Structures are given as C-alpha cells and as structure tokens.
Protein backbone atom coordinates (compact mmCIF):
# COMPACT_ATOMS: atom_id res chain seq x y z
CA MET A 1 -43.93 29.27 -14.08
CA ASP A 2 -41.98 26.31 -15.51
CA ALA A 3 -41.81 23.23 -13.31
CA GLU A 4 -38.39 22.55 -11.83
CA THR A 5 -36.32 19.97 -13.69
CA PRO A 6 -35.97 16.88 -11.50
CA PRO A 7 -32.40 16.14 -10.44
CA THR A 8 -30.48 13.61 -12.49
CA PRO A 9 -30.28 10.32 -10.57
CA PRO A 10 -26.82 9.00 -9.70
CA THR A 11 -25.24 6.77 -12.33
CA LEU A 12 -24.64 4.05 -9.75
CA ALA A 13 -25.65 3.90 -6.10
CA LEU A 14 -25.94 1.73 -3.03
CA VAL A 15 -29.07 2.40 -1.00
CA ASN A 16 -29.17 1.28 2.64
CA VAL A 17 -27.04 -1.78 1.84
CA GLY A 18 -26.16 -4.41 4.42
CA LYS A 19 -23.80 -7.34 3.95
CA ALA A 20 -22.65 -10.00 6.41
CA PHE A 21 -20.09 -12.79 6.18
CA GLY A 22 -21.07 -15.28 8.86
CA ALA A 23 -21.12 -13.44 12.17
CA VAL A 24 -19.19 -10.48 10.79
CA GLN A 25 -21.36 -7.56 9.65
CA ALA A 26 -19.24 -5.99 6.90
CA LEU A 27 -21.76 -3.29 5.88
CA GLN A 28 -24.70 -1.86 7.80
CA GLY A 29 -27.11 0.54 6.14
CA VAL A 30 -24.60 2.07 3.72
CA THR A 31 -25.72 4.57 1.09
CA LEU A 32 -23.28 5.81 -1.55
CA GLU A 33 -24.07 7.72 -4.75
CA LEU A 34 -21.75 8.07 -7.76
CA HIS A 35 -22.64 10.87 -10.20
CA ALA A 36 -21.51 11.42 -13.79
CA GLY A 37 -18.60 13.85 -14.10
CA GLU A 38 -17.62 13.57 -10.43
CA VAL A 39 -14.70 11.94 -8.62
CA HIS A 40 -16.00 10.59 -5.31
CA ALA A 41 -13.59 9.48 -2.57
CA LEU A 42 -14.28 6.50 -0.31
CA ALA A 43 -12.31 6.69 2.94
CA GLY A 44 -12.07 4.73 6.16
CA GLU A 45 -9.70 2.63 8.22
CA ASN A 46 -8.76 -0.89 7.17
CA GLY A 47 -11.73 -3.11 7.92
CA ALA A 48 -14.23 -0.26 7.50
CA GLY A 49 -15.95 -1.99 4.57
CA LYS A 50 -14.37 -0.33 1.53
CA SER A 51 -13.43 -3.60 -0.20
CA THR A 52 -16.92 -5.00 0.36
CA ILE A 53 -18.40 -1.92 -1.32
CA VAL A 54 -16.07 -2.31 -4.31
CA LYS A 55 -17.02 -5.98 -4.70
CA THR A 56 -20.72 -5.16 -4.38
CA PHE A 57 -20.49 -2.56 -7.12
CA ALA A 58 -18.45 -5.02 -9.22
CA GLY A 59 -21.03 -7.80 -8.94
CA VAL A 60 -18.84 -10.09 -6.81
CA HIS A 61 -21.13 -9.76 -3.75
CA ARG A 62 -24.90 -9.36 -3.56
CA PRO A 63 -26.34 -7.22 -0.76
CA ASP A 64 -28.20 -9.02 2.05
CA SER A 65 -30.41 -5.95 2.42
CA GLY A 66 -30.90 -2.69 0.55
CA GLU A 67 -30.29 -2.43 -3.16
CA VAL A 68 -27.94 -1.41 -5.95
CA ARG A 69 -29.39 1.18 -8.33
CA LEU A 70 -28.30 1.99 -11.88
CA ASP A 71 -29.59 5.33 -13.21
CA GLY A 72 -32.06 5.39 -10.33
CA GLU A 73 -33.51 1.92 -11.02
CA PRO A 74 -32.89 -1.19 -8.89
CA VAL A 75 -30.51 -3.67 -10.50
CA VAL A 76 -29.21 -7.11 -9.53
CA PHE A 77 -25.76 -8.08 -10.78
CA GLY A 78 -25.53 -11.84 -11.12
CA GLY A 79 -21.75 -11.61 -11.29
CA PRO A 80 -18.86 -9.45 -12.52
CA ALA A 81 -19.87 -9.96 -16.16
CA ASP A 82 -23.26 -8.33 -15.45
CA ALA A 83 -21.58 -5.35 -13.81
CA GLN A 84 -19.19 -4.96 -16.75
CA GLN A 85 -22.11 -5.18 -19.16
CA ALA A 86 -23.77 -2.35 -17.20
CA GLY A 87 -20.65 -0.19 -17.63
CA VAL A 88 -18.91 -0.75 -14.27
CA ALA A 89 -15.12 -1.19 -14.36
CA VAL A 90 -12.71 -1.74 -11.45
CA ILE A 91 -9.03 -0.77 -11.57
CA TYR A 92 -7.17 -2.61 -8.83
CA GLN A 93 -3.87 -1.73 -7.16
CA GLU A 94 -2.11 -4.54 -9.05
CA PRO A 95 -3.59 -5.11 -12.53
CA THR A 96 -3.72 -8.63 -13.97
CA LEU A 97 -2.77 -8.58 -17.64
CA PHE A 98 -1.72 -11.45 -19.88
CA PRO A 99 2.05 -10.82 -19.99
CA ASP A 100 2.77 -12.62 -23.26
CA LEU A 101 0.07 -10.80 -25.24
CA SER A 102 0.38 -7.33 -26.70
CA VAL A 103 -1.16 -4.29 -25.06
CA GLY A 104 -3.83 -4.17 -27.78
CA GLU A 105 -4.66 -7.86 -27.37
CA ASN A 106 -5.09 -7.35 -23.62
CA ILE A 107 -7.51 -4.48 -24.21
CA PHE A 108 -9.71 -6.39 -26.66
CA MET A 109 -9.35 -9.91 -25.20
CA GLY A 110 -12.44 -11.87 -26.22
CA ARG A 111 -13.71 -8.98 -28.36
CA GLN A 112 -11.08 -8.76 -31.10
CA PRO A 113 -12.23 -7.18 -34.37
CA ARG A 114 -12.46 -9.70 -37.23
CA THR A 115 -11.77 -9.62 -40.94
CA GLY A 116 -14.33 -10.75 -43.48
CA LEU A 117 -12.79 -14.23 -43.29
CA GLY A 118 -13.30 -14.40 -39.51
CA ARG A 119 -9.64 -13.91 -38.59
CA ILE A 120 -8.48 -11.43 -35.96
CA ASP A 121 -7.92 -8.04 -37.59
CA ARG A 122 -4.75 -7.03 -35.76
CA ARG A 123 -4.34 -3.81 -37.71
CA ALA A 124 -7.83 -2.65 -36.73
CA MET A 125 -7.31 -3.82 -33.15
CA HIS A 126 -4.06 -1.91 -32.70
CA ALA A 127 -5.49 1.16 -34.42
CA ALA A 128 -8.44 1.14 -32.01
CA ALA A 129 -6.09 0.74 -29.05
CA ALA A 130 -3.94 3.64 -30.30
CA GLU A 131 -7.07 5.79 -30.51
CA LEU A 132 -7.92 4.94 -26.90
CA PHE A 133 -4.44 5.96 -25.72
CA THR A 134 -4.70 9.19 -27.69
CA ARG A 135 -8.01 9.87 -25.96
CA LEU A 136 -6.32 9.28 -22.61
CA GLY A 137 -3.28 11.36 -23.55
CA VAL A 138 -0.80 8.54 -22.90
CA PRO A 139 1.76 7.52 -25.59
CA LEU A 140 1.68 3.71 -25.21
CA ASP A 141 2.46 1.39 -28.12
CA PRO A 142 -0.46 -1.06 -28.62
CA GLN A 143 1.87 -3.63 -30.19
CA GLN A 144 4.35 -3.91 -27.32
CA PRO A 145 4.06 -6.96 -25.01
CA ALA A 146 2.41 -6.41 -21.62
CA ARG A 147 5.35 -8.13 -19.94
CA GLY A 148 7.74 -5.54 -18.55
CA LEU A 149 5.19 -2.71 -18.34
CA SER A 150 5.34 -0.65 -15.16
CA ILE A 151 2.40 -0.86 -12.74
CA ALA A 152 1.42 2.64 -13.90
CA ASP A 153 1.32 1.60 -17.56
CA GLN A 154 -0.58 -1.58 -16.69
CA GLN A 155 -3.22 0.55 -14.97
CA VAL A 156 -3.54 2.75 -18.05
CA VAL A 157 -4.08 -0.40 -20.14
CA GLU A 158 -6.84 -1.46 -17.72
CA ILE A 159 -8.44 1.99 -18.02
CA ALA A 160 -8.26 1.79 -21.82
CA LYS A 161 -9.91 -1.64 -21.61
CA ALA A 162 -12.68 -0.12 -19.48
CA ILE A 163 -13.46 2.74 -21.84
CA SER A 164 -13.32 0.37 -24.83
CA ARG A 165 -16.30 -1.32 -23.15
CA ASP A 166 -18.02 2.07 -22.80
CA ALA A 167 -17.61 2.01 -19.01
CA ARG A 168 -19.70 4.70 -17.33
CA VAL A 169 -18.41 4.00 -13.81
CA LEU A 170 -14.72 3.62 -12.95
CA ILE A 171 -13.75 2.32 -9.51
CA MET A 172 -10.09 2.88 -8.60
CA ASP A 173 -9.03 0.80 -5.58
CA GLU A 174 -5.74 2.11 -4.11
CA PRO A 175 -4.36 2.76 -7.62
CA THR A 176 -1.41 4.90 -6.50
CA ALA A 177 0.09 2.65 -3.80
CA ALA A 178 2.93 1.39 -6.02
CA LEU A 179 3.41 4.50 -8.20
CA THR A 180 6.05 7.22 -8.22
CA GLY A 181 5.06 10.87 -7.92
CA GLN A 182 5.33 11.39 -11.67
CA GLU A 183 3.21 8.31 -12.37
CA VAL A 184 0.57 9.50 -9.90
CA ALA A 185 0.40 12.87 -11.68
CA ARG A 186 -0.15 11.12 -15.02
CA LEU A 187 -2.85 8.87 -13.55
CA PHE A 188 -4.63 11.93 -12.18
CA THR A 189 -4.50 13.59 -15.60
CA VAL A 190 -6.08 10.51 -17.17
CA THR A 191 -8.72 10.43 -14.42
CA ARG A 192 -9.63 14.08 -14.96
CA THR A 193 -9.93 13.41 -18.68
CA LEU A 194 -12.46 10.64 -18.01
CA GLN A 195 -14.27 12.85 -15.52
CA SER A 196 -14.64 15.60 -18.14
CA GLN A 197 -16.09 13.01 -20.51
CA GLY A 198 -18.89 12.23 -18.05
CA CYS A 199 -17.52 9.17 -16.26
CA ALA A 200 -18.55 8.60 -12.61
CA ILE A 201 -15.42 7.74 -10.63
CA LEU A 202 -14.96 6.19 -7.18
CA PHE A 203 -11.45 6.77 -5.82
CA ILE A 204 -10.08 4.86 -2.81
CA SER A 205 -6.79 5.88 -1.22
CA HIS A 206 -5.16 6.04 2.21
CA ARG A 207 -3.28 9.15 1.07
CA LEU A 208 -5.42 12.05 2.20
CA GLU A 209 -3.51 14.59 0.12
CA GLU A 210 -4.53 12.67 -3.03
CA ILE A 211 -8.18 12.72 -2.01
CA PHE A 212 -8.11 16.51 -1.64
CA GLU A 213 -6.24 16.96 -4.92
CA LEU A 214 -8.48 14.78 -7.09
CA CYS A 215 -11.94 14.40 -5.56
CA GLN A 216 -14.98 16.63 -5.16
CA ARG A 217 -16.96 14.60 -2.61
CA VAL A 218 -16.13 12.02 0.06
CA THR A 219 -17.99 9.21 1.79
CA ILE A 220 -16.52 7.96 5.04
CA LEU A 221 -17.11 4.53 6.59
CA ARG A 222 -16.35 3.35 10.10
CA ASP A 223 -16.77 -0.29 11.17
CA GLY A 224 -19.01 -1.00 8.18
CA ARG A 225 -21.32 1.94 8.89
CA TRP A 226 -21.94 5.06 6.83
CA ILE A 227 -20.64 8.13 8.68
CA THR A 228 -20.97 10.96 6.16
CA SER A 229 -21.09 11.92 2.50
CA GLU A 230 -20.19 15.55 1.89
CA PRO A 231 -18.24 17.94 -0.37
CA LEU A 232 -14.51 18.14 0.30
CA ALA A 233 -14.49 21.90 -0.10
CA GLY A 234 -14.00 23.42 3.34
CA LEU A 235 -12.79 20.19 4.98
CA THR A 236 -9.27 19.59 6.27
CA ALA A 237 -7.21 16.44 6.66
CA ASP A 238 -7.86 16.59 10.41
CA ASP A 239 -11.61 16.63 9.70
CA LEU A 240 -11.35 13.43 7.65
CA VAL A 241 -9.17 11.69 10.23
CA ARG A 242 -11.61 12.60 13.01
CA ARG A 243 -14.53 11.17 11.04
CA MET A 244 -12.65 8.01 10.10
CA VAL A 245 -11.33 7.03 13.52
CA GLY A 246 -14.13 8.50 15.62
CA ARG A 247 -11.78 10.32 17.94
CA GLU A 248 -9.23 13.11 18.03
CA LEU A 249 -5.92 11.88 16.74
CA SER A 250 -3.54 13.51 19.19
CA ALA A 251 -0.55 13.07 16.92
CA LEU A 252 0.03 11.03 13.79
CA TYR A 253 3.77 11.11 14.53
CA PRO A 254 4.15 10.54 18.30
CA LYS A 255 7.94 10.81 18.34
CA GLN A 256 9.62 10.57 21.74
CA ASP A 257 12.74 12.60 22.43
CA VAL A 258 15.57 10.17 23.14
CA VAL A 259 19.26 10.72 23.84
CA PRO A 260 21.09 8.36 21.43
CA GLY A 261 23.33 5.73 22.97
CA GLU A 262 26.13 3.57 21.61
CA VAL A 263 26.45 2.75 17.91
CA ALA A 264 24.32 -0.34 17.21
CA LEU A 265 24.63 -0.53 13.41
CA GLU A 266 27.70 0.55 11.44
CA VAL A 267 27.73 0.28 7.66
CA SER A 268 31.07 0.98 5.98
CA ARG A 269 31.56 1.52 2.25
CA LEU A 270 28.83 -0.92 1.28
CA THR A 271 28.74 -1.49 -2.48
CA ARG A 272 26.80 -3.62 -4.93
CA GLU A 273 27.96 -3.02 -8.48
CA GLY A 274 25.37 -1.30 -10.63
CA VAL A 275 22.96 -0.80 -7.70
CA PHE A 276 24.61 1.34 -4.98
CA THR A 277 28.14 2.51 -4.23
CA ASP A 278 30.20 3.38 -1.16
CA VAL A 279 27.32 3.69 1.34
CA SER A 280 28.46 4.43 4.91
CA PHE A 281 26.43 5.42 7.98
CA GLN A 282 25.73 4.62 11.63
CA VAL A 283 22.58 4.11 13.68
CA ARG A 284 22.76 4.50 17.46
CA ARG A 285 20.64 2.88 20.13
CA GLY A 286 17.48 4.92 20.70
CA GLU A 287 17.64 6.53 17.27
CA ILE A 288 15.21 6.36 14.39
CA VAL A 289 17.22 7.06 11.25
CA ALA A 290 15.28 7.45 8.01
CA LEU A 291 16.70 6.40 4.65
CA ALA A 292 14.94 8.64 2.12
CA GLY A 293 15.12 9.17 -1.63
CA LEU A 294 13.15 8.68 -4.80
CA VAL A 295 12.02 5.26 -6.02
CA GLY A 296 15.01 3.58 -7.63
CA ALA A 297 17.59 5.42 -5.53
CA GLY A 298 18.74 2.14 -3.96
CA ARG A 299 17.25 2.40 -0.46
CA SER A 300 15.59 -1.04 -0.25
CA GLU A 301 18.57 -2.62 -1.98
CA VAL A 302 20.89 -1.28 0.74
CA ALA A 303 18.60 -2.74 3.43
CA ARG A 304 18.51 -6.12 1.70
CA ALA A 305 22.31 -6.15 1.42
CA ILE A 306 22.72 -5.23 5.09
CA PHE A 307 20.45 -8.14 6.06
CA GLY A 308 22.15 -10.55 3.68
CA VAL A 309 19.19 -11.13 1.35
CA ASP A 310 21.24 -9.74 -1.55
CA ARG A 311 24.97 -10.13 -1.97
CA ARG A 312 27.32 -7.20 -1.49
CA ASP A 313 30.46 -6.74 -3.54
CA ALA A 314 32.33 -4.65 -0.97
CA GLY A 315 31.94 -3.10 2.43
CA GLU A 316 31.33 -4.21 6.00
CA VAL A 317 28.35 -4.35 8.36
CA LYS A 318 28.88 -4.31 12.14
CA VAL A 319 26.28 -4.81 14.86
CA ASN A 320 27.26 -3.63 18.35
CA GLY A 321 30.85 -3.25 17.15
CA ARG A 322 31.19 -6.76 15.75
CA GLY A 323 31.29 -7.74 12.10
CA ILE A 324 28.68 -10.21 10.89
CA THR A 325 30.25 -13.64 10.54
CA GLY A 326 28.83 -15.72 7.74
CA ALA A 327 26.47 -14.77 4.95
CA GLY A 328 22.73 -14.58 4.47
CA PRO A 329 19.78 -13.63 6.67
CA THR A 330 20.52 -16.32 9.29
CA ALA A 331 23.90 -14.73 10.05
CA ALA A 332 22.26 -11.30 10.18
CA MET A 333 19.60 -12.58 12.63
CA ASP A 334 22.27 -14.19 14.81
CA ALA A 335 24.07 -10.84 14.92
CA GLY A 336 20.93 -9.04 16.12
CA LEU A 337 19.38 -7.65 12.93
CA ALA A 338 15.70 -7.82 11.98
CA LEU A 339 14.15 -6.77 8.65
CA VAL A 340 10.50 -5.90 8.04
CA PRO A 341 10.36 -5.98 4.21
CA GLU A 342 8.56 -3.56 1.91
CA ASP A 343 6.21 -6.19 0.47
CA ARG A 344 4.66 -7.79 3.54
CA ARG A 345 2.40 -10.14 1.54
CA GLN A 346 5.13 -11.62 -0.69
CA GLN A 347 8.21 -11.34 1.54
CA GLY A 348 7.00 -10.93 5.11
CA LEU A 349 4.17 -13.45 5.55
CA VAL A 350 2.94 -16.87 4.47
CA MET A 351 -0.61 -15.81 3.65
CA ASP A 352 -2.27 -19.25 3.99
CA MET A 353 -0.53 -19.95 7.28
CA SER A 354 -2.09 -19.06 10.64
CA ILE A 355 -1.43 -15.85 12.54
CA GLU A 356 0.31 -17.70 15.37
CA ARG A 357 2.50 -19.75 13.02
CA ASN A 358 3.59 -16.62 11.10
CA MET A 359 4.57 -14.98 14.38
CA GLY A 360 6.59 -18.03 15.36
CA LEU A 361 8.56 -18.50 12.14
CA THR A 362 11.60 -16.64 13.51
CA GLN A 363 11.54 -18.61 16.81
CA LEU A 364 11.34 -22.22 15.65
CA PRO A 365 14.28 -23.49 17.80
CA ALA A 366 12.69 -22.01 20.94
CA LEU A 367 9.31 -23.57 20.11
CA ARG A 368 10.59 -27.13 19.71
CA ARG A 369 10.15 -29.83 22.35
CA ALA A 370 11.62 -33.33 22.46
CA GLY A 371 9.54 -36.21 21.14
CA ARG A 372 9.90 -39.85 20.24
CA LEU A 373 10.06 -38.95 16.56
CA GLY A 374 12.43 -36.04 17.06
CA PRO A 375 11.95 -32.36 17.91
CA LEU A 376 8.32 -31.23 17.59
CA LEU A 377 6.74 -27.81 17.72
CA SER A 378 4.99 -26.96 20.97
CA ARG A 379 1.64 -25.56 19.89
CA LYS A 380 0.94 -24.28 23.39
CA VAL A 381 4.18 -22.30 23.59
CA GLU A 382 3.62 -21.01 20.05
CA ARG A 383 0.08 -19.87 20.85
CA ASP A 384 1.00 -18.33 24.21
CA ARG A 385 3.81 -16.30 22.68
CA ALA A 386 1.61 -15.21 19.78
CA ARG A 387 -1.16 -14.16 22.15
CA GLY A 388 1.30 -12.07 24.13
CA TRP A 389 2.46 -10.21 21.04
CA ALA A 390 -1.10 -9.82 19.75
CA GLU A 391 -2.08 -8.10 23.01
CA ARG A 392 1.04 -5.94 23.08
CA LEU A 393 0.53 -4.72 19.49
CA GLN A 394 -3.27 -4.42 19.87
CA LEU A 395 -3.86 -6.85 17.01
CA LYS A 396 -7.45 -7.12 15.77
CA PHE A 397 -8.29 -10.74 14.96
CA SER A 398 -10.91 -13.43 15.45
CA GLN A 399 -8.71 -16.45 16.28
CA LEU A 400 -4.95 -16.88 16.29
CA SER A 401 -5.48 -20.04 14.23
CA ASP A 402 -7.03 -18.00 11.38
CA ALA A 403 -5.00 -17.56 8.20
CA VAL A 404 -3.07 -14.30 8.31
CA GLY A 405 -4.51 -13.48 4.87
CA VAL A 406 -7.90 -12.65 6.40
CA LEU A 407 -6.44 -9.74 8.39
CA SER A 408 -6.50 -6.14 7.22
CA GLY A 409 -3.28 -4.67 5.81
CA GLY A 410 -2.48 -2.82 9.04
CA ASN A 411 -2.92 -5.94 11.16
CA GLN A 412 -0.81 -7.97 8.75
CA GLN A 413 1.94 -5.40 9.24
CA LYS A 414 1.64 -5.86 13.01
CA VAL A 415 2.11 -9.62 12.58
CA VAL A 416 5.31 -9.02 10.60
CA LEU A 417 6.54 -6.64 13.31
CA ALA A 418 5.69 -9.18 16.02
CA LYS A 419 7.55 -11.92 14.16
CA TRP A 420 10.75 -9.90 14.16
CA LEU A 421 10.43 -8.19 17.52
CA ALA A 422 10.15 -11.65 19.07
CA THR A 423 13.82 -12.20 18.12
CA ASP A 424 14.79 -9.37 20.51
CA PRO A 425 16.92 -7.60 17.89
CA ALA A 426 19.49 -4.86 18.49
CA VAL A 427 18.62 -3.20 15.17
CA LEU A 428 15.21 -3.13 13.48
CA ILE A 429 15.14 -2.29 9.76
CA VAL A 430 11.63 -1.36 8.57
CA ASP A 431 11.01 -0.80 4.85
CA GLU A 432 7.88 1.30 4.12
CA PRO A 433 6.34 0.48 7.54
CA THR A 434 2.96 2.13 6.89
CA ARG A 435 2.42 1.69 3.15
CA GLY A 436 -1.18 0.83 2.34
CA ILE A 437 -2.52 1.08 5.91
CA ASP A 438 -5.06 3.52 7.29
CA VAL A 439 -4.36 6.61 9.36
CA GLY A 440 -5.45 5.10 12.67
CA THR A 441 -3.19 2.04 12.31
CA LYS A 442 -0.44 4.24 10.88
CA SER A 443 -0.45 6.21 14.13
CA GLU A 444 -0.24 2.94 16.11
CA VAL A 445 2.78 1.78 14.08
CA HIS A 446 4.49 5.14 14.61
CA ARG A 447 3.80 4.94 18.34
CA LEU A 448 5.29 1.44 18.45
CA LEU A 449 8.45 2.49 16.59
CA SER A 450 8.87 5.44 18.93
CA GLU A 451 8.42 3.21 21.99
CA LEU A 452 10.94 0.70 20.65
CA ALA A 453 13.51 3.45 20.14
CA GLY A 454 12.74 4.66 23.65
CA ARG A 455 13.66 1.18 24.91
CA ASN A 456 17.13 1.50 23.37
CA LEU A 457 16.44 -0.24 20.05
CA ALA A 458 18.13 1.17 16.95
CA VAL A 459 15.66 1.70 14.10
CA LEU A 460 16.52 2.17 10.42
CA MET A 461 13.34 3.26 8.61
CA ILE A 462 12.99 3.39 4.84
CA SER A 463 10.04 5.48 3.69
CA SER A 464 8.74 7.25 0.60
CA ASP A 465 6.27 9.19 2.78
CA LEU A 466 7.98 12.54 3.40
CA PRO A 467 5.71 13.60 6.30
CA GLU A 468 6.51 10.24 7.94
CA VAL A 469 10.24 10.80 7.44
CA LEU A 470 10.09 14.31 8.89
CA GLY A 471 7.76 13.32 11.72
CA MET A 472 9.60 10.23 12.96
CA ALA A 473 13.31 10.50 12.13
CA ASP A 474 16.08 11.80 14.38
CA ARG A 475 18.27 12.00 11.28
CA VAL A 476 17.50 11.73 7.58
CA LEU A 477 19.92 10.01 5.20
CA VAL A 478 19.14 10.80 1.58
CA MET A 479 20.10 8.61 -1.38
CA HIS A 480 20.31 9.65 -5.03
CA GLU A 481 21.14 7.25 -7.86
CA GLY A 482 22.75 4.63 -5.60
CA ARG A 483 24.80 7.02 -3.48
CA LEU A 484 24.30 8.51 -0.04
CA VAL A 485 24.31 12.25 -0.78
CA ALA A 486 23.07 13.96 2.39
CA GLU A 487 22.68 13.57 6.13
CA ILE A 488 20.19 16.02 7.63
CA PRO A 489 19.49 16.34 11.38
CA ARG A 490 15.87 16.43 12.52
CA ALA A 491 15.95 20.16 13.34
CA GLU A 492 17.02 21.05 9.80
CA ALA A 493 14.99 18.50 7.83
CA THR A 494 12.24 19.97 5.65
CA GLU A 495 10.41 18.69 2.59
CA GLU A 496 12.43 21.13 0.51
CA SER A 497 15.84 20.07 1.88
CA VAL A 498 15.10 16.35 1.56
CA MET A 499 13.70 16.63 -1.96
CA ALA A 500 16.58 18.85 -3.08
CA ALA A 501 19.04 16.16 -2.02
CA ALA A 502 16.90 13.31 -3.40
CA THR A 503 16.79 14.91 -6.84
CA GLY A 504 20.52 15.67 -6.85
CA GLN A 505 20.12 19.44 -6.70
CA ASN A 506 22.08 20.07 -3.53
CA GLY A 507 22.48 18.77 -0.01
CA LYS A 508 25.05 18.31 2.67
CA ALA A 509 27.69 15.73 2.07
CA ALA A 510 27.01 12.60 4.01
CA ALA A 511 29.18 12.13 7.05
C-alpha cells in the first residue's frame, strides 16, 4: 500500500503568536493558516487584533512569542521589505500611489526595465503593465497618470504591483469600504482570478455578506484571542456575529416605535447647480428619516448644503419653523443642527488631539473661564463633560488625554457623536454612521440613534447600507442623479423598492 502523501503546508501562517504593546496584549496565542488557492476571511470587532495580524504578516511587527512560518518553515521578517521579498503583499483600504507618475511607473517603481544604455525602457515597462492588467481582466491604460484614478482603480494598480513581484500571499485589508457595488464586483472577479492562479488570500471586511460571497474559510478573533478557524459552508451571518461578540445579538437594528411630533427640519427646493436640484422634504421630531441612493446621487452634498458647509444656489432650510439666519456651519449650529460627516478621520476629528479636546470642540464658549490674560479653557470642565459622554456612549479608552487616533474606528465614531450631541441639537444629520465599524459597535450606534429619536430628536441618516436603511428608518427618501425621486414609508420599504427608485426604474413621486 502506498504511503499517504503528507498535506501541503500553508503558504504563510502564524503559530501561537503573541504580541503586546506596553500593557496592552494585542494578540494572545493566535494561529492562522493561509493556503494556496484559498480566500480566507479574518473577522472580529474593532480592537480584536486584525490590524496587528496584518502588520505581523507584512513584517511591520515581530511576534513576542510564537512564530511566523513560510511554507511550513519558521521565518523572521526584519521589515516590510523582507516580507515583500518573500512574496507577501498588502492591499490597504486607501492605496498610496505617486499621483504624478503613470500607472506603469507606479507598478515598477524602483524596478524599471532598462535599455542597453541603462535608461528606463518605458515601452517595455508599459507593455509589461498592460500584460498584468490583461491577466487581471481589467482594461487600465498603463500610461495614464495615477492622479484622478478612483480608489477601485488604485487598488487594481496595487494588485498588479503585487503580482509583478510574484506575490504568493495577498492580504486585503477592508478593500471594499470606499467602493461602489459595481467596483466591489470587479474587485471580487480579480480576486478570484488570483485565487485560481494559486495565490493565498487573506480578506478582511466588516461586511459579512462579502465574506460569505468570496471566502471559503474564516478565522475569528475576539479581544486578541483566537476563537475559531472553520469552513464558511454551513455557517450563517448570525453564527459569525455570535462568535465575534461572544453573546447573542438580540437585534442589529433595535428600532423603537415612536409617534412623530412637530416638524423639526424643513428643506424647501434646495438646489446647487450641477449637483442636486429642487430637493424638498421634512423630518419630524422622533423620526429617523433615511436619505438613500447610489454613490454620486447627491445625498452627502445635500447634507453639506443643509449644514452650510457647501453653498446652495436656491432653496430654504428651516429648523423648528424658523429659517437659518446667516451662512455657514456656525449659523446652522446656532439654529440647532448637528452634522456627523461621512469621513470621520478627515472631517469629524483632529486625530492628534486628545479625546476630551475633540469632544469639547463644539462647546468652546461654555468651557472658557475668565483669566488675567483673557478667557482660558477650563480643563476640569472639559474633562468632566467628556467623561460624562464617554460613560453615556460606553466609549472604550485608556485615558481621556490620549490622542483620539489611537481609538478603534467605532470608538472614534462615538467621539464624533458625543461632540455633536453635546450641543443639544434639534436635528442630527448622520452621514454613513456605521461605515467601517464592527457589528457589535454598529448595534450600539443603532441603539443610540433609536434612543435619541425616542427622546424627541429628529434624525436624518444618510446610508449606503440597505439593511441599515430598512432596519432603522421610519421613512426612506431616495435620490437619483441629484433629484429626490421617491418617498417610501417604513411598512412599504424593501430592498427592491429602494433600489428600483435609486436606479431610476420607478418609484413614488416624492411628496
């Protein structure tokens, strides 16, 4: 009888790895195996240790205990260059290309083919880049500048760069967070192509439906500990959530039933030329009204115009029956509006500033005290108020004096919410409130929005997450190409009805 063939070792693996940063134990005894020709999902709440694993695979961090193995043999990466040399490539959520160089130059930076005279052979370089794009099935022009490329195209360039280096392991860290549905589908096609060519792929995403669509196996972390590694076949989204949060999630969308009160926000014929036209709607106290539509429909632009960040060419905004006097965000705040922006890192927070100072940015007049040299900030009042909001929103932090940049994405979002809720607004506008945060924190944010509406706050929520729209909204307003094309009550809102209106197929005329 022939001896059994020994199993092929994983291409890349962590074996019982531990990693600490000071007193914080980021990883404890984590084992994760990546096999050739397999897409492996890594899931867990924010702070579970996913980023530490990515950086360990990429050679940024060295394990304190355990080991990294390449083809079954222990390996020590002295830095990212060692990991790249071993065939490990990381595709981040926001690629970093040289904008003024061509696509081909970005792919072969530092490795450009040369002519016999030692000059860069641009024809050969662009021909090689074109061959890579053909292999990936994406029609990109190697000679076009990187500046102006969409995030999706930038990611494809990064993938082409990886396979030009003969990468055997591709790590994709939240690659779909900023992509449209069509761009996600293309990325998945490229990923499956690489999988069929024998690449080992690690895929990280908060979107559970993407994990089930693309991956064959999943490893779940909780608080830096390995929980399970198992095939996805036979599992459900509820199974993954239960493993990630360590408890039954009673409801991801804990929407309270509220009887709407008086009109808090009235938008009449709002127009910004070339962006959106003749947008009119109302939001009542106690309501959560969702503004839905495809990317580019004008939803965020309407919110920014309501709050005075962007100019409006026509139309009127009223809060509690009164028109906003003056222009800009200060006038909007004085009228009782608050805006939690889509990009919390760039528009909602000062990342190097402390947690408590970020929370207090909207309350500076109330935090000042008299002094010999003029009004000074009262640190005690600032800290006390911040501590109160941190407790109310169940913020996870070490010290309020820590930079807000050290917090997880979900906790950063809570700081932005605290900053604006501290102004005691009549209307809260939240743009993509749960983008890029884990399911456990997502449920907490939904609970908070529902509680705020229950306390008579009017909430205008902009979201690209259809289940979130359907689960949280009392009414759904749908935009298509800069116009409000449908208003759908909660009882009649379905994925089909919202998408039909968002794509311009049909829909009820907006009231």
